[in-house]
């Protein structure tokens, strides 16, 4: 995902993302945190203070199994899987 795509999904400017990346602006307001949590399905507690698992409702052993399976796939298979997951994400 490019910075432009990331900024669009968060509904912010690319310059704002660039400032965050460079450390010039590190304050993420509550609204932006909520958008990140919702858009990327991440755990807000992890995003804020790294105190919990990154993704919601995924048991650590399930996450480890998924990562192991994905790493065993060819690049082409990974790309196909990613397309499939993006597709079902919008359906559900």
PDB file of N, CA and C in Angstrom:
ATOM      1  N   UNK A   1       0.845  -1.162   0.000  1.00  0.00           N
ATOM      2  CA  UNK A   1       0.000   0.000   0.000  1.00  0.00           C
ATOM      3  C   UNK A   1       0.898   1.235   0.000  1.00  0.00           C
ATOM      4  N   UNK A   2       0.573   2.162  -0.862  1.00  0.00           N
ATOM      5  CA  UNK A   2       1.363   3.388  -0.934  1.00  0.00           C
ATOM      6  C   UNK A   2       0.909   4.364   0.146  1.00  0.00           C
ATOM      7  N   UNK A   3       1.721   5.385   0.372  1.00  0.00           N
ATOM      8  CA  UNK A   3       1.361   6.410   1.340  1.00  0.00           C
ATOM      9  C   UNK A   3       0.080   7.122   0.894  1.00  0.00           C
ATOM     10  N   UNK A   4      -0.066   7.315  -0.417  1.00  0.00           N
ATOM     11  CA  UNK A   4      -1.268   7.963  -0.952  1.00  0.00           C
ATOM     12  C   UNK A   4      -2.498   7.107  -0.642  1.00  0.00           C
ATOM     13  N   UNK A   5      -2.400   5.795  -0.882  1.00  0.00           N
ATOM     14  CA  UNK A   5      -3.516   4.891  -0.588  1.00  0.00           C
ATOM     15  C   UNK A   5      -3.834   4.879   0.904  1.00  0.00           C
ATOM     16  N   UNK A   6      -2.796   4.826   1.711  1.00  0.00           N
ATOM     17  CA  UNK A   6      -2.962   4.816   3.166  1.00  0.00           C
ATOM     18  C   UNK A   6      -3.666   6.095   3.624  1.00  0.00           C
ATOM     19  N   UNK A   7      -3.212   7.226   3.136  1.00  0.00           N
ATOM     20  CA  UNK A   7      -3.809   8.514   3.500  1.00  0.00           C
ATOM     21  C   UNK A   7      -5.274   8.575   3.067  1.00  0.00           C
ATOM     22  N   UNK A   8      -5.563   8.084   1.872  1.00  0.00           N
ATOM     23  CA  UNK A   8      -6.955   8.084   1.393  1.00  0.00           C
ATOM     24  C   UNK A   8      -7.843   7.244   2.297  1.00  0.00           C
ATOM     25  N   UNK A   9      -7.356   6.064   2.676  1.00  0.00           N
ATOM     26  CA  UNK A   9      -8.165   5.195   3.540  1.00  0.00           C
ATOM     27  C   UNK A   9      -8.410   5.824   4.904  1.00  0.00           C
ATOM     28  N   UNK A  10      -7.452   6.646   5.356  1.00  0.00           N
ATOM     29  CA  UNK A  10      -7.601   7.302   6.654  1.00  0.00           C
ATOM     30  C   UNK A  10      -8.272   8.668   6.547  1.00  0.00           C
ATOM     31  N   UNK A  11      -8.463   9.098   5.294  1.00  0.00           N
ATOM     32  CA  UNK A  11      -9.092  10.401   5.035  1.00  0.00           C
ATOM     33  C   UNK A  11      -8.257  11.558   5.582  1.00  0.00           C
ATOM     34  N   UNK A  12      -6.947  11.454   5.373  1.00  0.00           N
ATOM     35  CA  UNK A  12      -6.018  12.522   5.755  1.00  0.00           C
ATOM     36  C   UNK A  12      -5.095  12.796   4.571  1.00  0.00           C
ATOM     37  N   UNK A  13      -4.311  13.861   4.684  1.00  0.00           N
ATOM     38  CA  UNK A  13      -3.395  14.197   3.593  1.00  0.00           C
ATOM     39  C   UNK A  13      -2.124  13.349   3.678  1.00  0.00           C
ATOM     40  N   UNK A  14      -1.466  13.215   2.535  1.00  0.00           N
ATOM     41  CA  UNK A  14      -0.196  12.491   2.523  1.00  0.00           C
ATOM     42  C   UNK A  14       0.863  13.247   3.308  1.00  0.00           C
ATOM     43  N   UNK A  15       0.780  14.568   3.326  1.00  0.00           N
ATOM     44  CA  UNK A  15       1.763  15.342   4.101  1.00  0.00           C
ATOM     45  C   UNK A  15       1.616  15.053   5.594  1.00  0.00           C
ATOM     46  N   UNK A  16       0.395  14.831   6.057  1.00  0.00           N
ATOM     47  CA  UNK A  16       0.189  14.497   7.463  1.00  0.00           C
ATOM     48  C   UNK A  16       0.812  13.133   7.781  1.00  0.00           C
ATOM     49  N   UNK A  17       0.611  12.151   6.903  1.00  0.00           N
ATOM     50  CA  UNK A  17       1.220  10.832   7.092  1.00  0.00           C
ATOM     51  C   UNK A  17       2.738  10.965   7.097  1.00  0.00           C
ATOM     52  N   UNK A  18       3.264  11.777   6.205  1.00  0.00           N
ATOM     53  CA  UNK A  18       4.710  11.995   6.128  1.00  0.00           C
ATOM     54  C   UNK A  18       5.243  12.612   7.421  1.00  0.00           C
ATOM     55  N   UNK A  19       4.502  13.550   7.986  1.00  0.00           N
ATOM     56  CA  UNK A  19       4.920  14.169   9.254  1.00  0.00           C
ATOM     57  C   UNK A  19       4.946  13.146  10.382  1.00  0.00           C
ATOM     58  N   UNK A  20       3.956  12.269  10.402  1.00  0.00           N
ATOM     59  CA  UNK A  20       3.917  11.221  11.432  1.00  0.00           C
ATOM     60  C   UNK A  20       5.107  10.280  11.259  1.00  0.00           C
ATOM     61  N   UNK A  21       5.366   9.863  10.011  1.00  0.00           N
ATOM     62  CA  UNK A  21       6.490   8.960   9.742  1.00  0.00           C
ATOM     63  C   UNK A  21       7.820   9.571  10.152  1.00  0.00           C
ATOM     64  N   UNK A  22       7.983  10.859   9.924  1.00  0.00           N
ATOM     65  CA  UNK A  22       9.256  11.516  10.218  1.00  0.00           C
ATOM     66  C   UNK A  22       9.380  11.920  11.685  1.00  0.00           C
ATOM     67  N   UNK A  23       8.316  11.749  12.446  1.00  0.00           N
ATOM     68  CA  UNK A  23       8.352  12.086  13.868  1.00  0.00           C
ATOM     69  C   UNK A  23       8.043  13.540  14.154  1.00  0.00           C
ATOM     70  N   UNK A  24       7.725  14.322  13.130  1.00  0.00           N
ATOM     71  CA  UNK A  24       7.407  15.738  13.340  1.00  0.00           C
ATOM     72  C   UNK A  24       6.047  15.919  13.992  1.00  0.00           C
ATOM     73  N   UNK A  25       5.139  15.024  13.708  1.00  0.00           N
ATOM     74  CA  UNK A  25       3.804  15.075  14.303  1.00  0.00           C
ATOM     75  C   UNK A  25       3.429  13.667  14.704  1.00  0.00           C
ATOM     76  N   UNK A  26       3.352  13.436  15.971  1.00  0.00           N
ATOM     77  CA  UNK A  26       3.060  12.090  16.433  1.00  0.00           C
ATOM     78  C   UNK A  26       1.740  12.005  17.188  1.00  0.00           C
ATOM     79  N   UNK A  27       0.998  13.090  17.215  1.00  0.00           N
ATOM     80  CA  UNK A  27      -0.270  13.093  17.937  1.00  0.00           C
ATOM     81  C   UNK A  27      -1.369  12.563  17.025  1.00  0.00           C
ATOM     82  N   UNK A  28      -1.898  11.430  17.383  1.00  0.00           N
ATOM     83  CA  UNK A  28      -3.014  10.860  16.646  1.00  0.00           C
ATOM     84  C   UNK A  28      -4.276  11.109  17.460  1.00  0.00           C
ATOM     85  N   UNK A  29      -5.142  11.944  16.957  1.00  0.00           N
ATOM     86  CA  UNK A  29      -6.376  12.263  17.669  1.00  0.00           C
ATOM     87  C   UNK A  29      -7.293  11.061  17.779  1.00  0.00           C
ATOM     88  N   UNK A  30      -8.266  11.171  18.660  1.00  0.00           N
ATOM     89  CA  UNK A  30      -9.207  10.074  18.888  1.00  0.00           C
ATOM     90  C   UNK A  30      -9.945   9.675  17.617  1.00  0.00           C
ATOM     91  N   UNK A  31     -10.312  10.667  16.810  1.00  0.00           N
ATOM     92  CA  UNK A  31     -11.046  10.359  15.580  1.00  0.00           C
ATOM     93  C   UNK A  31     -10.173   9.546  14.631  1.00  0.00           C
ATOM     94  N   UNK A  32      -8.916   9.971  14.451  1.00  0.00           N
ATOM     95  CA  UNK A  32      -8.022   9.249  13.552  1.00  0.00           C
ATOM     96  C   UNK A  32      -7.730   7.849  14.091  1.00  0.00           C
ATOM     97  N   UNK A  33      -7.540   7.718  15.391  1.00  0.00           N
ATOM     98  CA  UNK A  33      -7.320   6.396  15.980  1.00  0.00           C
ATOM     99  C   UNK A  33      -8.511   5.483  15.723  1.00  0.00           C
ATOM    100  N   UNK A  34      -9.703   6.032  15.847  1.00  0.00           N
ATOM    101  CA  UNK A  34     -10.909   5.235  15.591  1.00  0.00           C
ATOM    102  C   UNK A  34     -10.982   4.817  14.120  1.00  0.00           C
ATOM    103  N   UNK A  35     -10.621   5.719  13.217  1.00  0.00           N
ATOM    104  CA  UNK A  35     -10.638   5.395  11.792  1.00  0.00           C
ATOM    105  C   UNK A  35      -9.635   4.277  11.506  1.00  0.00           C
ATOM    106  N   UNK A  36      -8.430   4.366  12.074  1.00  0.00           N
ATOM    107  CA  UNK A  36      -7.423   3.319  11.880  1.00  0.00           C
ATOM    108  C   UNK A  36      -7.934   1.993  12.433  1.00  0.00           C
ATOM    109  N   UNK A  37      -8.510   2.042  13.631  1.00  0.00           N
ATOM    110  CA  UNK A  37      -9.038   0.830  14.258  1.00  0.00           C
ATOM    111  C   UNK A  37     -10.113   0.191  13.377  1.00  0.00           C
ATOM    112  N   UNK A  38     -11.008   0.999  12.853  1.00  0.00           N
ATOM    113  CA  UNK A  38     -12.118   0.499  12.043  1.00  0.00           C
ATOM    114  C   UNK A  38     -11.654   0.062  10.658  1.00  0.00           C
ATOM    115  N   UNK A  39     -10.870   0.896  10.001  1.00  0.00           N
ATOM    116  CA  UNK A  39     -10.451   0.638   8.622  1.00  0.00           C
ATOM    117  C   UNK A  39      -9.547  -0.584   8.509  1.00  0.00           C
ATOM    118  N   UNK A  40      -8.630  -0.738   9.468  1.00  0.00           N
ATOM    119  CA  UNK A  40      -7.651  -1.825   9.392  1.00  0.00           C
ATOM    120  C   UNK A  40      -7.910  -2.941  10.394  1.00  0.00           C
ATOM    121  N   UNK A  41      -8.991  -2.822  11.143  1.00  0.00           N
ATOM    122  CA  UNK A  41      -9.399  -3.864  12.097  1.00  0.00           C
ATOM    123  C   UNK A  41      -8.297  -4.203  13.105  1.00  0.00           C
ATOM    124  N   UNK A  42      -7.620  -3.168  13.585  1.00  0.00           N
ATOM    125  CA  UNK A  42      -6.579  -3.393  14.582  1.00  0.00           C
ATOM    126  C   UNK A  42      -7.120  -3.079  15.965  1.00  0.00           C
ATOM    127  N   UNK A  43      -6.486  -3.634  16.953  1.00  0.00           N
ATOM    128  CA  UNK A  43      -6.846  -3.424  18.338  1.00  0.00           C
ATOM    129  C   UNK A  43      -6.324  -2.056  18.778  1.00  0.00           C
ATOM    130  N   UNK A  44      -7.209  -1.188  19.223  1.00  0.00           N
ATOM    131  CA  UNK A  44      -6.821   0.170  19.615  1.00  0.00           C
ATOM    132  C   UNK A  44      -5.806   0.162  20.754  1.00  0.00           C
ATOM    133  N   UNK A  45      -5.930  -0.758  21.698  1.00  0.00           N
ATOM    134  CA  UNK A  45      -4.973  -0.840  22.811  1.00  0.00           C
ATOM    135  C   UNK A  45      -3.567  -1.132  22.294  1.00  0.00           C
ATOM    136  N   UNK A  46      -3.454  -1.975  21.281  1.00  0.00           N
ATOM    137  CA  UNK A  46      -2.143  -2.257  20.669  1.00  0.00           C
ATOM    138  C   UNK A  46      -1.618  -1.028  19.962  1.00  0.00           C
ATOM    139  N   UNK A  47      -2.497  -0.346  19.267  1.00  0.00           N
ATOM    140  CA  UNK A  47      -2.106   0.832  18.505  1.00  0.00           C
ATOM    141  C   UNK A  47      -1.583   1.936  19.419  1.00  0.00           C
ATOM    142  N   UNK A  48      -2.201   2.097  20.562  1.00  0.00           N
ATOM    143  CA  UNK A  48      -1.837   3.179  21.479  1.00  0.00           C
ATOM    144  C   UNK A  48      -0.627   2.840  22.336  1.00  0.00           C
ATOM    145  N   UNK A  49      -0.620   1.641  22.933  1.00  0.00           N
ATOM    146  CA  UNK A  49       0.469   1.363  23.878  1.00  0.00           C
ATOM    147  C   UNK A  49       1.069  -0.036  23.769  1.00  0.00           C
ATOM    148  N   UNK A  50       0.740  -0.762  22.711  1.00  0.00           N
ATOM    149  CA  UNK A  50       1.330  -2.072  22.463  1.00  0.00           C
ATOM    150  C   UNK A  50       1.070  -3.057  23.602  1.00  0.00           C
ATOM    151  N   UNK A  51      -0.091  -2.907  24.282  1.00  0.00           N
ATOM    152  CA  UNK A  51      -0.361  -3.746  25.443  1.00  0.00           C
ATOM    153  C   UNK A  51      -1.122  -5.025  25.119  1.00  0.00           C
ATOM    154  N   UNK A  52      -1.627  -5.150  23.899  1.00  0.00           N
ATOM    155  CA  UNK A  52      -2.407  -6.329  23.546  1.00  0.00           C
ATOM    156  C   UNK A  52      -2.035  -6.802  22.146  1.00  0.00           C
ATOM    157  N   UNK A  53      -2.709  -7.843  21.688  1.00  0.00           N
ATOM    158  CA  UNK A  53      -2.485  -8.367  20.346  1.00  0.00           C
ATOM    159  C   UNK A  53      -2.891  -7.314  19.308  1.00  0.00           C
ATOM    160  N   UNK A  54      -2.192  -7.257  18.167  1.00  0.00           N
ATOM    161  CA  UNK A  54      -2.496  -6.234  17.163  1.00  0.00           C
ATOM    162  C   UNK A  54      -3.893  -6.330  16.562  1.00  0.00           C
ATOM    163  N   UNK A  55      -4.374  -7.538  16.305  1.00  0.00           N
ATOM    164  CA  UNK A  55      -5.656  -7.663  15.622  1.00  0.00           C
ATOM    165  C   UNK A  55      -6.719  -8.161  16.564  1.00  0.00           C
ATOM    166  N   UNK A  56      -7.911  -7.657  16.359  1.00  0.00           N
ATOM    167  CA  UNK A  56      -9.034  -8.029  17.203  1.00  0.00           C
ATOM    168  C   UNK A  56      -9.455  -9.472  16.946  1.00  0.00           C
ATOM    169  N   UNK A  57      -9.855 -10.108  18.000  1.00  0.00           N
ATOM    170  CA  UNK A  57     -10.500 -11.414  17.918  1.00  0.00           C
ATOM    171  C   UNK A  57      -9.698 -12.483  17.182  1.00  0.00           C
ATOM    172  N   UNK A  58      -8.381 -12.393  17.235  1.00  0.00           N
ATOM    173  CA  UNK A  58      -7.549 -13.437  16.640  1.00  0.00           C
ATOM    174  C   UNK A  58      -6.663 -13.986  17.753  1.00  0.00           C
ATOM    175  N   UNK A  59      -6.893 -15.235  18.072  1.00  0.00           N
ATOM    176  CA  UNK A  59      -6.085 -15.874  19.107  1.00  0.00           C
ATOM    177  C   UNK A  59      -4.642 -15.973  18.619  1.00  0.00           C
ATOM    178  N   UNK A  60      -3.664 -15.811  19.515  1.00  0.00           N
ATOM    179  CA  UNK A  60      -2.262 -15.863  19.106  1.00  0.00           C
ATOM    180  C   UNK A  60      -1.891 -17.126  18.336  1.00  0.00           C
ATOM    181  N   UNK A  61      -2.443 -18.282  18.739  1.00  0.00           N
ATOM    182  CA  UNK A  61      -2.112 -19.521  18.031  1.00  0.00           C
ATOM    183  C   UNK A  61      -2.715 -19.535  16.623  1.00  0.00           C
ATOM    184  N   UNK A  62      -3.878 -18.920  16.458  1.00  0.00           N
ATOM    185  CA  UNK A  62      -4.493 -18.815  15.128  1.00  0.00           C
ATOM    186  C   UNK A  62      -3.665 -17.910  14.241  1.00  0.00           C
ATOM    187  N   UNK A  63      -3.245 -16.792  14.794  1.00  0.00           N
ATOM    188  CA  UNK A  63      -2.418 -15.849  14.037  1.00  0.00           C
ATOM    189  C   UNK A  63      -1.107 -16.517  13.607  1.00  0.00           C
ATOM    190  N   UNK A  64      -0.480 -17.251  14.504  1.00  0.00           N
ATOM    191  CA  UNK A  64       0.782 -17.928  14.187  1.00  0.00           C
ATOM    192  C   UNK A  64       0.578 -18.971  13.089  1.00  0.00           C
ATOM    193  N   UNK A  65      -0.532 -19.686  13.150  1.00  0.00           N
ATOM    194  CA  UNK A  65      -0.829 -20.690  12.125  1.00  0.00           C
ATOM    195  C   UNK A  65      -1.038 -20.026  10.769  1.00  0.00           C
ATOM    196  N   UNK A  66      -1.794 -18.939  10.744  1.00  0.00           N
ATOM    197  CA  UNK A  66      -2.030 -18.221   9.489  1.00  0.00           C
ATOM    198  C   UNK A  66      -0.723 -17.709   8.888  1.00  0.00           C
ATOM    199  N   UNK A  67       0.120 -17.145   9.714  1.00  0.00           N
ATOM    200  CA  UNK A  67       1.411 -16.632   9.228  1.00  0.00           C
ATOM    201  C   UNK A  67       2.253 -17.769   8.655  1.00  0.00           C
ATOM    202  N   UNK A  68       2.286 -18.896   9.346  1.00  0.00           N
ATOM    203  CA  UNK A  68       3.062 -20.038   8.874  1.00  0.00           C
ATOM    204  C   UNK A  68       2.547 -20.541   7.526  1.00  0.00           C
ATOM    205  N   UNK A  69       1.232 -20.616   7.382  1.00  0.00           N
ATOM    206  CA  UNK A  69       0.635 -21.063   6.119  1.00  0.00           C
ATOM    207  C   UNK A  69       0.960 -20.083   5.002  1.00  0.00           C
ATOM    208  N   UNK A  70       0.793 -18.795   5.264  1.00  0.00           N
ATOM    209  CA  UNK A  70       1.040 -17.772   4.242  1.00  0.00           C
ATOM    210  C   UNK A  70       2.500 -17.782   3.802  1.00  0.00           C
ATOM    211  N   UNK A  71       3.407 -17.945   4.743  1.00  0.00           N
ATOM    212  CA  UNK A  71       4.834 -17.983   4.395  1.00  0.00           C
ATOM    213  C   UNK A  71       5.179 -19.178   3.511  1.00  0.00           C
ATOM    214  N   UNK A  72       4.386 -20.238   3.605  1.00  0.00           N
ATOM    215  CA  UNK A  72       4.624 -21.420   2.788  1.00  0.00           C
ATOM    216  C   UNK A  72       4.069 -21.324   1.369  1.00  0.00           C
ATOM    217  N   UNK A  73       3.329 -20.259   1.090  1.00  0.00           N
ATOM    218  CA  UNK A  73       2.735 -20.084  -0.235  1.00  0.00           C
ATOM    219  C   UNK A  73       3.707 -19.374  -1.172  1.00  0.00           C
ATOM    220  N   UNK A  74       3.527 -19.617  -2.449  1.00  0.00           N
ATOM    221  CA  UNK A  74       4.314 -18.877  -3.447  1.00  0.00           C
ATOM    222  C   UNK A  74       3.822 -17.429  -3.478  1.00  0.00           C
ATOM    223  N   UNK A  75       4.592 -16.561  -4.086  1.00  0.00           N
ATOM    224  CA  UNK A  75       4.205 -15.154  -4.199  1.00  0.00           C
ATOM    225  C   UNK A  75       2.864 -15.024  -4.913  1.00  0.00           C
ATOM    226  N   UNK A  76       2.696 -15.785  -5.965  1.00  0.00           N
ATOM    227  CA  UNK A  76       1.444 -15.758  -6.721  1.00  0.00           C
ATOM    228  C   UNK A  76       0.260 -16.203  -5.850  1.00  0.00           C
ATOM    229  N   UNK A  77       0.477 -17.255  -5.071  1.00  0.00           N
ATOM    230  CA  UNK A  77      -0.580 -17.730  -4.180  1.00  0.00           C
ATOM    231  C   UNK A  77      -0.893 -16.704  -3.095  1.00  0.00           C
ATOM    232  N   UNK A  78       0.132 -16.026  -2.562  1.00  0.00           N
ATOM    233  CA  UNK A  78      -0.079 -14.992  -1.561  1.00  0.00           C
ATOM    234  C   UNK A  78      -0.906 -13.841  -2.133  1.00  0.00           C
ATOM    235  N   UNK A  79      -0.585 -13.446  -3.367  1.00  0.00           N
ATOM    236  CA  UNK A  79      -1.324 -12.359  -4.013  1.00  0.00           C
ATOM    237  C   UNK A  79      -2.779 -12.756  -4.237  1.00  0.00           C
ATOM    238  N   UNK A  80      -3.008 -13.992  -4.651  1.00  0.00           N
ATOM    239  CA  UNK A  80      -4.373 -14.482  -4.854  1.00  0.00           C
ATOM    240  C   UNK A  80      -5.130 -14.513  -3.539  1.00  0.00           C
ATOM    241  N   UNK A  81      -4.481 -14.984  -2.488  1.00  0.00           N
ATOM    242  CA  UNK A  81      -5.100 -15.029  -1.172  1.00  0.00           C
ATOM    243  C   UNK A  81      -5.454 -13.626  -0.698  1.00  0.00           C
ATOM    244  N   UNK A  82      -4.554 -12.689  -0.889  1.00  0.00           N
ATOM    245  CA  UNK A  82      -4.802 -11.311  -0.476  1.00  0.00           C
ATOM    246  C   UNK A  82      -6.010 -10.734  -1.213  1.00  0.00           C
ATOM    247  N   UNK A  83      -6.089 -10.970  -2.507  1.00  0.00           N
ATOM    248  CA  UNK A  83      -7.253 -10.499  -3.280  1.00  0.00           C
ATOM    249  C   UNK A  83      -8.545 -11.115  -2.751  1.00  0.00           C
ATOM    250  N   UNK A  84      -8.492 -12.415  -2.469  1.00  0.00           N
ATOM    251  CA  UNK A  84      -9.664 -13.110  -1.935  1.00  0.00           C
ATOM    252  C   UNK A  84     -10.076 -12.515  -0.585  1.00  0.00           C
ATOM    253  N   UNK A  85      -9.120 -12.305   0.302  1.00  0.00           N
ATOM    254  CA  UNK A  85      -9.434 -11.760   1.626  1.00  0.00           C
ATOM    255  C   UNK A  85      -9.994 -10.348   1.532  1.00  0.00           C
ATOM    256  N   UNK A  86      -9.453  -9.540   0.653  1.00  0.00           N
ATOM    257  CA  UNK A  86      -9.985  -8.187   0.455  1.00  0.00           C
ATOM    258  C   UNK A  86     -11.421  -8.249  -0.046  1.00  0.00           C
ATOM    259  N   UNK A  87     -11.682  -9.198  -0.931  1.00  0.00           N
ATOM    260  CA  UNK A  87     -13.026  -9.354  -1.495  1.00  0.00           C
ATOM    261  C   UNK A  87     -14.017  -9.756  -0.424  1.00  0.00           C
ATOM    262  N   UNK A  88     -13.684 -10.744   0.385  1.00  0.00           N
ATOM    263  CA  UNK A  88     -14.642 -11.189   1.419  1.00  0.00           C
ATOM    264  C   UNK A  88     -14.758 -10.181   2.552  1.00  0.00           C
ATOM    265  N   UNK A  89     -13.762  -9.346   2.732  1.00  0.00           N
ATOM    266  CA  UNK A  89     -13.827  -8.304   3.761  1.00  0.00           C
ATOM    267  C   UNK A  89     -14.966  -7.345   3.442  1.00  0.00           C
ATOM    268  N   UNK A  90     -15.162  -7.046   2.167  1.00  0.00           N
ATOM    269  CA  UNK A  90     -16.200  -6.103   1.767  1.00  0.00           C
ATOM    270  C   UNK A  90     -17.582  -6.738   1.731  1.00  0.00           C
ATOM    271  N   UNK A  91     -17.637  -8.057   1.662  1.00  0.00           N
ATOM    272  CA  UNK A  91     -18.900  -8.773   1.626  1.00  0.00           C
ATOM    273  C   UNK A  91     -19.493  -8.880   3.022  1.00  0.00           C
ATOM    274  N   UNK A  92     -18.599  -9.191   4.003  1.00  0.00           N
ATOM    275  CA  UNK A  92     -19.048  -9.411   5.381  1.00  0.00           C
ATOM    276  C   UNK A  92     -19.256  -8.190   6.098  1.00  0.00           C
TER     277      UNK A  92
END
